Amino acid sequence: MLAVSGAATEQESEVEALRARVAQLEHELAERTERANAALAAAQDRLYWIDRWRIDPNRVLGSRPGQVAYVIARQGRRALRAAGRVRRRSAR
């Protein structure tokens, strides 16, 4: 039976800890990549319809009615978010 020195055992445990950390980081990277790909696909889908309908966002938002519509939409999103927060708090 071979005797294993304390330094060799310590080095092996350190290597195993590093391998576990690398595996964890690879998993995190895969999750981030998956989320980024999903966000990119959603953005490309929205862009497809904007191009298909031949909408120029700069021209639309550069006009007075476009700016008003943007402000109304932004306020609507804020109201919906606030309502969601209230609903979640009341559900607790």
PDB file of N, CA and C in Angstrom:
ATOM      1  N   MET A   1       0.837  -1.170   0.000  1.00  0.00           N
ATOM      2  CA  MET A   1       0.000   0.000   0.000  1.00  0.00           C
ATOM      3  C   MET A   1       0.886   1.239   0.000  1.00  0.00           C
ATOM      4  N   LEU A   2       0.587   2.184  -0.852  1.00  0.00           N
ATOM      5  CA  LEU A   2       1.379   3.395  -0.983  1.00  0.00           C
ATOM      6  C   LEU A   2       0.866   4.453  -0.037  1.00  0.00           C
ATOM      7  N   ALA A   3       1.730   5.136   0.569  1.00  0.00           N
ATOM      8  CA  ALA A   3       1.348   6.233   1.446  1.00  0.00           C
ATOM      9  C   ALA A   3       1.277   7.504   0.605  1.00  0.00           C
ATOM     10  N   VAL A   4       0.171   8.225   0.730  1.00  0.00           N
ATOM     11  CA  VAL A   4      -0.005   9.463  -0.011  1.00  0.00           C
ATOM     12  C   VAL A   4       0.285  10.612   0.934  1.00  0.00           C
ATOM     13  N   SER A   5       1.147  11.492   0.486  1.00  0.00           N
ATOM     14  CA  SER A   5       1.521  12.604   1.355  1.00  0.00           C
ATOM     15  C   SER A   5       0.380  13.599   1.480  1.00  0.00           C
ATOM     16  N   GLY A   6       0.425  14.388   2.528  1.00  0.00           N
ATOM     17  CA  GLY A   6      -0.607  15.392   2.760  1.00  0.00           C
ATOM     18  C   GLY A   6      -0.653  16.437   1.662  1.00  0.00           C
ATOM     19  N   ALA A   7       0.484  16.783   1.116  1.00  0.00           N
ATOM     20  CA  ALA A   7       0.538  17.794   0.046  1.00  0.00           C
ATOM     21  C   ALA A   7      -0.133  17.281  -1.218  1.00  0.00           C
ATOM     22  N   ALA A   8       0.076  15.996  -1.531  1.00  0.00           N
ATOM     23  CA  ALA A   8      -0.543  15.430  -2.728  1.00  0.00           C
ATOM     24  C   ALA A   8      -2.056  15.362  -2.563  1.00  0.00           C
ATOM     25  N   THR A   9      -2.514  14.983  -1.382  1.00  0.00           N
ATOM     26  CA  THR A   9      -3.949  14.919  -1.114  1.00  0.00           C
ATOM     27  C   THR A   9      -4.567  16.307  -1.192  1.00  0.00           C
ATOM     28  N   GLU A  10      -3.863  17.280  -0.640  1.00  0.00           N
ATOM     29  CA  GLU A  10      -4.347  18.665  -0.682  1.00  0.00           C
ATOM     30  C   GLU A  10      -4.415  19.170  -2.116  1.00  0.00           C
ATOM     31  N   GLN A  11      -3.422  18.819  -2.911  1.00  0.00           N
ATOM     32  CA  GLN A  11      -3.398  19.247  -4.308  1.00  0.00           C
ATOM     33  C   GLN A  11      -4.547  18.599  -5.080  1.00  0.00           C
ATOM     34  N   GLU A  12      -4.809  17.323  -4.824  1.00  0.00           N
ATOM     35  CA  GLU A  12      -5.914  16.636  -5.492  1.00  0.00           C
ATOM     36  C   GLU A  12      -7.252  17.266  -5.122  1.00  0.00           C
ATOM     37  N   SER A  13      -7.433  17.612  -3.859  1.00  0.00           N
ATOM     38  CA  SER A  13      -8.696  18.225  -3.449  1.00  0.00           C
ATOM     39  C   SER A  13      -8.845  19.616  -4.067  1.00  0.00           C
ATOM     40  N   GLU A  14      -7.733  20.316  -4.203  1.00  0.00           N
ATOM     41  CA  GLU A  14      -7.782  21.626  -4.842  1.00  0.00           C
ATOM     42  C   GLU A  14      -8.145  21.491  -6.320  1.00  0.00           C
ATOM     43  N   VAL A  15      -7.590  20.491  -6.996  1.00  0.00           N
ATOM     44  CA  VAL A  15      -7.898  20.246  -8.408  1.00  0.00           C
ATOM     45  C   VAL A  15      -9.382  19.902  -8.548  1.00  0.00           C
ATOM     46  N   GLU A  16      -9.908  19.077  -7.656  1.00  0.00           N
ATOM     47  CA  GLU A  16     -11.326  18.709  -7.707  1.00  0.00           C
ATOM     48  C   GLU A  16     -12.214  19.942  -7.475  1.00  0.00           C
ATOM     49  N   ALA A  17     -11.813  20.808  -6.547  1.00  0.00           N
ATOM     50  CA  ALA A  17     -12.576  22.033  -6.293  1.00  0.00           C
ATOM     51  C   ALA A  17     -12.559  22.940  -7.520  1.00  0.00           C
ATOM     52  N   LEU A  18     -11.417  23.030  -8.170  1.00  0.00           N
ATOM     53  CA  LEU A  18     -11.316  23.840  -9.383  1.00  0.00           C
ATOM     54  C   LEU A  18     -12.154  23.260 -10.516  1.00  0.00           C
ATOM     55  N   ARG A  19     -12.159  21.936 -10.637  1.00  0.00           N
ATOM     56  CA  ARG A  19     -12.991  21.303 -11.670  1.00  0.00           C
ATOM     57  C   ARG A  19     -14.469  21.572 -11.411  1.00  0.00           C
ATOM     58  N   ALA A  20     -14.874  21.510 -10.142  1.00  0.00           N
ATOM     59  CA  ALA A  20     -16.267  21.787  -9.794  1.00  0.00           C
ATOM     60  C   ALA A  20     -16.611  23.236 -10.130  1.00  0.00           C
ATOM     61  N   ARG A  21     -15.697  24.155  -9.851  1.00  0.00           N
ATOM     62  CA  ARG A  21     -15.937  25.575 -10.151  1.00  0.00           C
ATOM     63  C   ARG A  21     -16.030  25.804 -11.657  1.00  0.00           C
ATOM     64  N   VAL A  22     -15.167  25.141 -12.422  1.00  0.00           N
ATOM     65  CA  VAL A  22     -15.206  25.271 -13.878  1.00  0.00           C
ATOM     66  C   VAL A  22     -16.546  24.753 -14.404  1.00  0.00           C
ATOM     67  N   ALA A  23     -17.003  23.629 -13.869  1.00  0.00           N
ATOM     68  CA  ALA A  23     -18.295  23.081 -14.301  1.00  0.00           C
ATOM     69  C   ALA A  23     -19.427  24.048 -13.966  1.00  0.00           C
ATOM     70  N   GLN A  24     -19.360  24.669 -12.794  1.00  0.00           N
ATOM     71  CA  GLN A  24     -20.385  25.646 -12.399  1.00  0.00           C
ATOM     72  C   GLN A  24     -20.367  26.853 -13.333  1.00  0.00           C
ATOM     73  N   LEU A  25     -19.190  27.355 -13.648  1.00  0.00           N
ATOM     74  CA  LEU A  25     -19.073  28.501 -14.543  1.00  0.00           C
ATOM     75  C   LEU A  25     -19.541  28.163 -15.958  1.00  0.00           C
ATOM     76  N   GLU A  26     -19.242  26.953 -16.421  1.00  0.00           N
ATOM     77  CA  GLU A  26     -19.723  26.541 -17.745  1.00  0.00           C
ATOM     78  C   GLU A  26     -21.249  26.484 -17.771  1.00  0.00           C
ATOM     79  N   HIS A  27     -21.847  26.000 -16.686  1.00  0.00           N
ATOM     80  CA  HIS A  27     -23.306  25.951 -16.587  1.00  0.00           C
ATOM     81  C   HIS A  27     -23.896  27.365 -16.613  1.00  0.00           C
ATOM     82  N   GLU A  28     -23.295  28.286 -15.841  1.00  0.00           N
ATOM     83  CA  GLU A  28     -23.754  29.679 -15.830  1.00  0.00           C
ATOM     84  C   GLU A  28     -23.629  30.308 -17.215  1.00  0.00           C
ATOM     85  N   LEU A  29     -22.529  30.026 -17.901  1.00  0.00           N
ATOM     86  CA  LEU A  29     -22.329  30.565 -19.246  1.00  0.00           C
ATOM     87  C   LEU A  29     -23.387  30.029 -20.207  1.00  0.00           C
ATOM     88  N   ALA A  30     -23.702  28.757 -20.087  1.00  0.00           N
ATOM     89  CA  ALA A  30     -24.720  28.169 -20.957  1.00  0.00           C
ATOM     90  C   ALA A  30     -26.085  28.819 -20.698  1.00  0.00           C
ATOM     91  N   GLU A  31     -26.409  29.070 -19.427  1.00  0.00           N
ATOM     92  CA  GLU A  31     -27.678  29.728 -19.097  1.00  0.00           C
ATOM     93  C   GLU A  31     -27.718  31.153 -19.657  1.00  0.00           C
ATOM     94  N   ARG A  32     -26.633  31.886 -19.486  1.00  0.00           N
ATOM     95  CA  ARG A  32     -26.577  33.261 -20.008  1.00  0.00           C
ATOM     96  C   ARG A  32     -26.688  33.275 -21.526  1.00  0.00           C
ATOM     97  N   THR A  33     -26.021  32.353 -22.168  1.00  0.00           N
ATOM     98  CA  THR A  33     -26.083  32.267 -23.625  1.00  0.00           C
ATOM     99  C   THR A  33     -27.502  31.960 -24.071  1.00  0.00           C
ATOM    100  N   GLU A  34     -28.167  31.064 -23.363  1.00  0.00           N
ATOM    101  CA  GLU A  34     -29.546  30.717 -23.705  1.00  0.00           C
ATOM    102  C   GLU A  34     -30.466  31.925 -23.555  1.00  0.00           C
ATOM    103  N   ARG A  35     -30.320  32.672 -22.459  1.00  0.00           N
ATOM    104  CA  ARG A  35     -31.136  33.878 -22.266  1.00  0.00           C
ATOM    105  C   ARG A  35     -30.831  34.932 -23.325  1.00  0.00           C
ATOM    106  N   ALA A  36     -29.556  35.109 -23.652  1.00  0.00           N
ATOM    107  CA  ALA A  36     -29.178  36.093 -24.672  1.00  0.00           C
ATOM    108  C   ALA A  36     -29.743  35.701 -26.037  1.00  0.00           C
ATOM    109  N   ASN A  37     -29.686  34.423 -26.356  1.00  0.00           N
ATOM    110  CA  ASN A  37     -30.237  33.961 -27.637  1.00  0.00           C
ATOM    111  C   ASN A  37     -31.748  34.176 -27.695  1.00  0.00           C
ATOM    112  N   ALA A  38     -32.441  33.939 -26.575  1.00  0.00           N
ATOM    113  CA  ALA A  38     -33.893  34.152 -26.542  1.00  0.00           C
ATOM    114  C   ALA A  38     -34.216  35.636 -26.720  1.00  0.00           C
ATOM    115  N   ALA A  39     -33.458  36.508 -26.066  1.00  0.00           N
ATOM    116  CA  ALA A  39     -33.685  37.946 -26.194  1.00  0.00           C
ATOM    117  C   ALA A  39     -33.402  38.408 -27.622  1.00  0.00           C
ATOM    118  N   LEU A  40     -32.359  37.883 -28.207  1.00  0.00           N
ATOM    119  CA  LEU A  40     -32.018  38.231 -29.583  1.00  0.00           C
ATOM    120  C   LEU A  40     -33.104  37.763 -30.545  1.00  0.00           C
ATOM    121  N   ALA A  41     -33.617  36.569 -30.342  1.00  0.00           N
ATOM    122  CA  ALA A  41     -34.675  36.051 -31.210  1.00  0.00           C
ATOM    123  C   ALA A  41     -35.936  36.913 -31.102  1.00  0.00           C
ATOM    124  N   ALA A  42     -36.274  37.332 -29.883  1.00  0.00           N
ATOM    125  CA  ALA A  42     -37.450  38.185 -29.697  1.00  0.00           C
ATOM    126  C   ALA A  42     -37.248  39.537 -30.390  1.00  0.00           C
ATOM    127  N   ALA A  43     -36.060  40.098 -30.262  1.00  0.00           N
ATOM    128  CA  ALA A  43     -35.775  41.385 -30.906  1.00  0.00           C
ATOM    129  C   ALA A  43     -35.823  41.248 -32.431  1.00  0.00           C
ATOM    130  N   GLN A  44     -35.291  40.157 -32.948  1.00  0.00           N
ATOM    131  CA  GLN A  44     -35.332  39.945 -34.391  1.00  0.00           C
ATOM    132  C   GLN A  44     -36.759  39.772 -34.878  1.00  0.00           C
ATOM    133  N   ASP A  45     -37.606  39.119 -34.096  1.00  0.00           N
ATOM    134  CA  ASP A  45     -39.004  38.951 -34.472  1.00  0.00           C
ATOM    135  C   ASP A  45     -39.708  40.299 -34.540  1.00  0.00           C
ATOM    136  N   ARG A  46     -39.473  41.150 -33.536  1.00  0.00           N
ATOM    137  CA  ARG A  46     -40.078  42.490 -33.555  1.00  0.00           C
ATOM    138  C   ARG A  46     -39.561  43.292 -34.742  1.00  0.00           C
ATOM    139  N   LEU A  47     -38.285  43.213 -34.988  1.00  0.00           N
ATOM    140  CA  LEU A  47     -37.693  43.949 -36.098  1.00  0.00           C
ATOM    141  C   LEU A  47     -38.239  43.467 -37.438  1.00  0.00           C
ATOM    142  N   TYR A  48     -38.492  42.176 -37.562  1.00  0.00           N
ATOM    143  CA  TYR A  48     -39.047  41.636 -38.798  1.00  0.00           C
ATOM    144  C   TYR A  48     -40.372  42.317 -39.122  1.00  0.00           C
ATOM    145  N   TRP A  49     -41.244  42.441 -38.122  1.00  0.00           N
ATOM    146  CA  TRP A  49     -42.557  43.029 -38.382  1.00  0.00           C
ATOM    147  C   TRP A  49     -42.456  44.532 -38.639  1.00  0.00           C
ATOM    148  N   ILE A  50     -41.541  45.187 -37.978  1.00  0.00           N
ATOM    149  CA  ILE A  50     -41.349  46.617 -38.251  1.00  0.00           C
ATOM    150  C   ILE A  50     -40.886  46.797 -39.695  1.00  0.00           C
ATOM    151  N   ASP A  51     -39.956  45.971 -40.137  1.00  0.00           N
ATOM    152  CA  ASP A  51     -39.488  46.038 -41.526  1.00  0.00           C
ATOM    153  C   ASP A  51     -40.591  45.650 -42.502  1.00  0.00           C
ATOM    154  N   ARG A  52     -41.331  44.623 -42.159  1.00  0.00           N
ATOM    155  CA  ARG A  52     -42.374  44.157 -43.081  1.00  0.00           C
ATOM    156  C   ARG A  52     -43.463  45.212 -43.264  1.00  0.00           C
ATOM    157  N   TRP A  53     -43.827  45.885 -42.193  1.00  0.00           N
ATOM    158  CA  TRP A  53     -44.854  46.930 -42.286  1.00  0.00           C
ATOM    159  C   TRP A  53     -44.286  48.260 -42.779  1.00  0.00           C
ATOM    160  N   ARG A  54     -42.974  48.261 -43.036  1.00  0.00           N
ATOM    161  CA  ARG A  54     -42.260  49.442 -43.532  1.00  0.00           C
ATOM    162  C   ARG A  54     -42.452  50.653 -42.618  1.00  0.00           C
ATOM    163  N   ILE A  55     -42.218  50.398 -41.339  1.00  0.00           N
ATOM    164  CA  ILE A  55     -42.304  51.459 -40.339  1.00  0.00           C
ATOM    165  C   ILE A  55     -40.896  51.965 -40.071  1.00  0.00           C
ATOM    166  N   ASP A  56     -40.731  53.260 -40.129  1.00  0.00           N
ATOM    167  CA  ASP A  56     -39.453  53.880 -39.789  1.00  0.00           C
ATOM    168  C   ASP A  56     -39.590  54.441 -38.371  1.00  0.00           C
ATOM    169  N   PRO A  57     -39.031  53.747 -37.365  1.00  0.00           N
ATOM    170  CA  PRO A  57     -39.198  54.204 -35.983  1.00  0.00           C
ATOM    171  C   PRO A  57     -38.688  55.633 -35.751  1.00  0.00           C
ATOM    172  N   ASN A  58     -37.604  56.009 -36.416  1.00  0.00           N
ATOM    173  CA  ASN A  58     -37.072  57.362 -36.240  1.00  0.00           C
ATOM    174  C   ASN A  58     -38.055  58.407 -36.750  1.00  0.00           C
ATOM    175  N   ARG A  59     -38.671  58.104 -37.861  1.00  0.00           N
ATOM    176  CA  ARG A  59     -39.636  59.045 -38.430  1.00  0.00           C
ATOM    177  C   ARG A  59     -40.903  59.110 -37.584  1.00  0.00           C
ATOM    178  N   VAL A  60     -41.372  57.946 -37.137  1.00  0.00           N
ATOM    179  CA  VAL A  60     -42.594  57.900 -36.327  1.00  0.00           C
ATOM    180  C   VAL A  60     -42.385  58.622 -34.995  1.00  0.00           C
ATOM    181  N   LEU A  61     -41.299  58.279 -34.301  1.00  0.00           N
ATOM    182  CA  LEU A  61     -41.061  58.890 -32.994  1.00  0.00           C
ATOM    183  C   LEU A  61     -40.561  60.328 -33.105  1.00  0.00           C
ATOM    184  N   GLY A  62     -40.131  60.720 -34.281  1.00  0.00           N
ATOM    185  CA  GLY A  62     -39.703  62.095 -34.487  1.00  0.00           C
ATOM    186  C   GLY A  62     -40.866  63.046 -34.697  1.00  0.00           C
ATOM    187  N   SER A  63     -42.038  62.500 -34.968  1.00  0.00           N
ATOM    188  CA  SER A  63     -43.212  63.355 -35.179  1.00  0.00           C
ATOM    189  C   SER A  63     -43.884  63.649 -33.836  1.00  0.00           C
ATOM    190  N   ARG A  64     -44.648  64.702 -33.798  1.00  0.00           N
ATOM    191  CA  ARG A  64     -45.354  65.078 -32.570  1.00  0.00           C
ATOM    192  C   ARG A  64     -46.334  63.983 -32.120  1.00  0.00           C
ATOM    193  N   PRO A  65     -47.175  63.446 -33.016  1.00  0.00           N
ATOM    194  CA  PRO A  65     -48.077  62.370 -32.586  1.00  0.00           C
ATOM    195  C   PRO A  65     -47.309  61.130 -32.084  1.00  0.00           C
ATOM    196  N   GLY A  66     -46.177  60.847 -32.692  1.00  0.00           N
ATOM    197  CA  GLY A  66     -45.365  59.717 -32.248  1.00  0.00           C
ATOM    198  C   GLY A  66     -44.818  59.932 -30.849  1.00  0.00           C
ATOM    199  N   GLN A  67     -44.393  61.161 -30.547  1.00  0.00           N
ATOM    200  CA  GLN A  67     -43.887  61.465 -29.209  1.00  0.00           C
ATOM    201  C   GLN A  67     -44.996  61.350 -28.173  1.00  0.00           C
ATOM    202  N   VAL A  68     -46.181  61.836 -28.521  1.00  0.00           N
ATOM    203  CA  VAL A  68     -47.325  61.740 -27.604  1.00  0.00           C
ATOM    204  C   VAL A  68     -47.669  60.275 -27.361  1.00  0.00           C
ATOM    205  N   ALA A  69     -47.694  59.483 -28.427  1.00  0.00           N
ATOM    206  CA  ALA A  69     -47.995  58.049 -28.290  1.00  0.00           C
ATOM    207  C   ALA A  69     -46.950  57.360 -27.424  1.00  0.00           C
ATOM    208  N   TYR A  70     -45.692  57.744 -27.569  1.00  0.00           N
ATOM    209  CA  TYR A  70     -44.625  57.157 -26.763  1.00  0.00           C
ATOM    210  C   TYR A  70     -44.815  57.494 -25.286  1.00  0.00           C
ATOM    211  N   VAL A  71     -45.130  58.736 -24.988  1.00  0.00           N
ATOM    212  CA  VAL A  71     -45.349  59.146 -23.592  1.00  0.00           C
ATOM    213  C   VAL A  71     -46.538  58.391 -23.005  1.00  0.00           C
ATOM    214  N   ILE A  72     -47.607  58.271 -23.770  1.00  0.00           N
ATOM    215  CA  ILE A  72     -48.788  57.541 -23.289  1.00  0.00           C
ATOM    216  C   ILE A  72     -48.445  56.071 -23.051  1.00  0.00           C
ATOM    217  N   ALA A  73     -47.710  55.473 -23.963  1.00  0.00           N
ATOM    218  CA  ALA A  73     -47.324  54.066 -23.801  1.00  0.00           C
ATOM    219  C   ALA A  73     -46.431  53.887 -22.578  1.00  0.00           C
ATOM    220  N   ARG A  74     -45.495  54.807 -22.369  1.00  0.00           N
ATOM    221  CA  ARG A  74     -44.605  54.721 -21.214  1.00  0.00           C
ATOM    222  C   ARG A  74     -45.391  54.839 -19.918  1.00  0.00           C
ATOM    223  N   GLN A  75     -46.340  55.759 -19.866  1.00  0.00           N
ATOM    224  CA  GLN A  75     -47.163  55.910 -18.667  1.00  0.00           C
ATOM    225  C   GLN A  75     -48.047  54.681 -18.456  1.00  0.00           C
ATOM    226  N   GLY A  76     -48.528  54.107 -19.542  1.00  0.00           N
ATOM    227  CA  GLY A  76     -49.325  52.886 -19.432  1.00  0.00           C
ATOM    228  C   GLY A  76     -48.517  51.729 -18.873  1.00  0.00           C
ATOM    229  N   ARG A  77     -47.263  51.592 -19.339  1.00  0.00           N
ATOM    230  CA  ARG A  77     -46.388  50.537 -18.806  1.00  0.00           C
ATOM    231  C   ARG A  77     -46.139  50.752 -17.328  1.00  0.00           C
ATOM    232  N   ARG A  78     -45.913  51.996 -16.930  1.00  0.00           N
ATOM    233  CA  ARG A  78     -45.701  52.286 -15.505  1.00  0.00           C
ATOM    234  C   ARG A  78     -46.922  51.913 -14.676  1.00  0.00           C
ATOM    235  N   ALA A  79     -48.105  52.235 -15.196  1.00  0.00           N
ATOM    236  CA  ALA A  79     -49.339  51.910 -14.478  1.00  0.00           C
ATOM    237  C   ALA A  79     -49.509  50.396 -14.359  1.00  0.00           C
ATOM    238  N   LEU A  80     -49.213  49.668 -15.435  1.00  0.00           N
ATOM    239  CA  LEU A  80     -49.330  48.214 -15.387  1.00  0.00           C
ATOM    240  C   LEU A  80     -48.339  47.601 -14.407  1.00  0.00           C
ATOM    241  N   ARG A  81     -47.124  48.118 -14.383  1.00  0.00           N
ATOM    242  CA  ARG A  81     -46.123  47.613 -13.431  1.00  0.00           C
ATOM    243  C   ARG A  81     -46.555  47.891 -12.000  1.00  0.00           C
ATOM    244  N   ALA A  82     -47.080  49.089 -11.750  1.00  0.00           N
ATOM    245  CA  ALA A  82     -47.540  49.434 -10.400  1.00  0.00           C
ATOM    246  C   ALA A  82     -48.698  48.530 -10.004  1.00  0.00           C
ATOM    247  N   ALA A  83     -49.614  48.277 -10.921  1.00  0.00           N
ATOM    248  CA  ALA A  83     -50.743  47.392 -10.621  1.00  0.00           C
ATOM    249  C   ALA A  83     -50.245  45.977 -10.324  1.00  0.00           C
ATOM    250  N   GLY A  84     -49.248  45.521 -11.054  1.00  0.00           N
ATOM    251  CA  GLY A  84     -48.675  44.200 -10.805  1.00  0.00           C
ATOM    252  C   GLY A  84     -48.020  44.116  -9.444  1.00  0.00           C
ATOM    253  N   ARG A  85     -47.315  45.185  -9.054  1.00  0.00           N
ATOM    254  CA  ARG A  85     -46.693  45.200  -7.722  1.00  0.00           C
ATOM    255  C   ARG A  85     -47.742  45.153  -6.633  1.00  0.00           C
ATOM    256  N   VAL A  86     -48.825  45.927  -6.812  1.00  0.00           N
ATOM    257  CA  VAL A  86     -49.905  45.930  -5.821  1.00  0.00           C
ATOM    258  C   VAL A  86     -50.537  44.545  -5.751  1.00  0.00           C
ATOM    259  N   ARG A  87     -50.768  43.942  -6.895  1.00  0.00           N
ATOM    260  CA  ARG A  87     -51.379  42.608  -6.927  1.00  0.00           C
ATOM    261  C   ARG A  87     -50.491  41.576  -6.242  1.00  0.00           C
ATOM    262  N   ARG A  88     -49.172  41.644  -6.487  1.00  0.00           N
ATOM    263  CA  ARG A  88     -48.260  40.702  -5.846  1.00  0.00           C
ATOM    264  C   ARG A  88     -48.204  40.926  -4.344  1.00  0.00           C
ATOM    265  N   ARG A  89     -48.231  42.182  -3.905  1.00  0.00           N
ATOM    266  CA  ARG A  89     -48.204  42.454  -2.456  1.00  0.00           C
ATOM    267  C   ARG A  89     -49.474  41.970  -1.775  1.00  0.00           C
ATOM    268  N   SER A  90     -50.607  42.138  -2.433  1.00  0.00           N
ATOM    269  CA  SER A  90     -51.861  41.722  -1.818  1.00  0.00           C
ATOM    270  C   SER A  90     -52.006  40.195  -1.813  1.00  0.00           C
ATOM    271  N   ALA A  91     -51.285  39.510  -2.717  1.00  0.00           N
ATOM    272  CA  ALA A  91     -51.349  38.058  -2.783  1.00  0.00           C
ATOM    273  C   ALA A  91     -50.528  37.405  -1.662  1.00  0.00           C
ATOM    274  N   ARG A  92     -49.640  38.158  -1.070  1.00  0.00           N
ATOM    275  CA  ARG A  92     -48.783  37.602  -0.016  1.00  0.00           C
ATOM    276  C   ARG A  92     -49.517  37.355   1.235  1.00  0.00           C
TER     277      ARG A  92
END
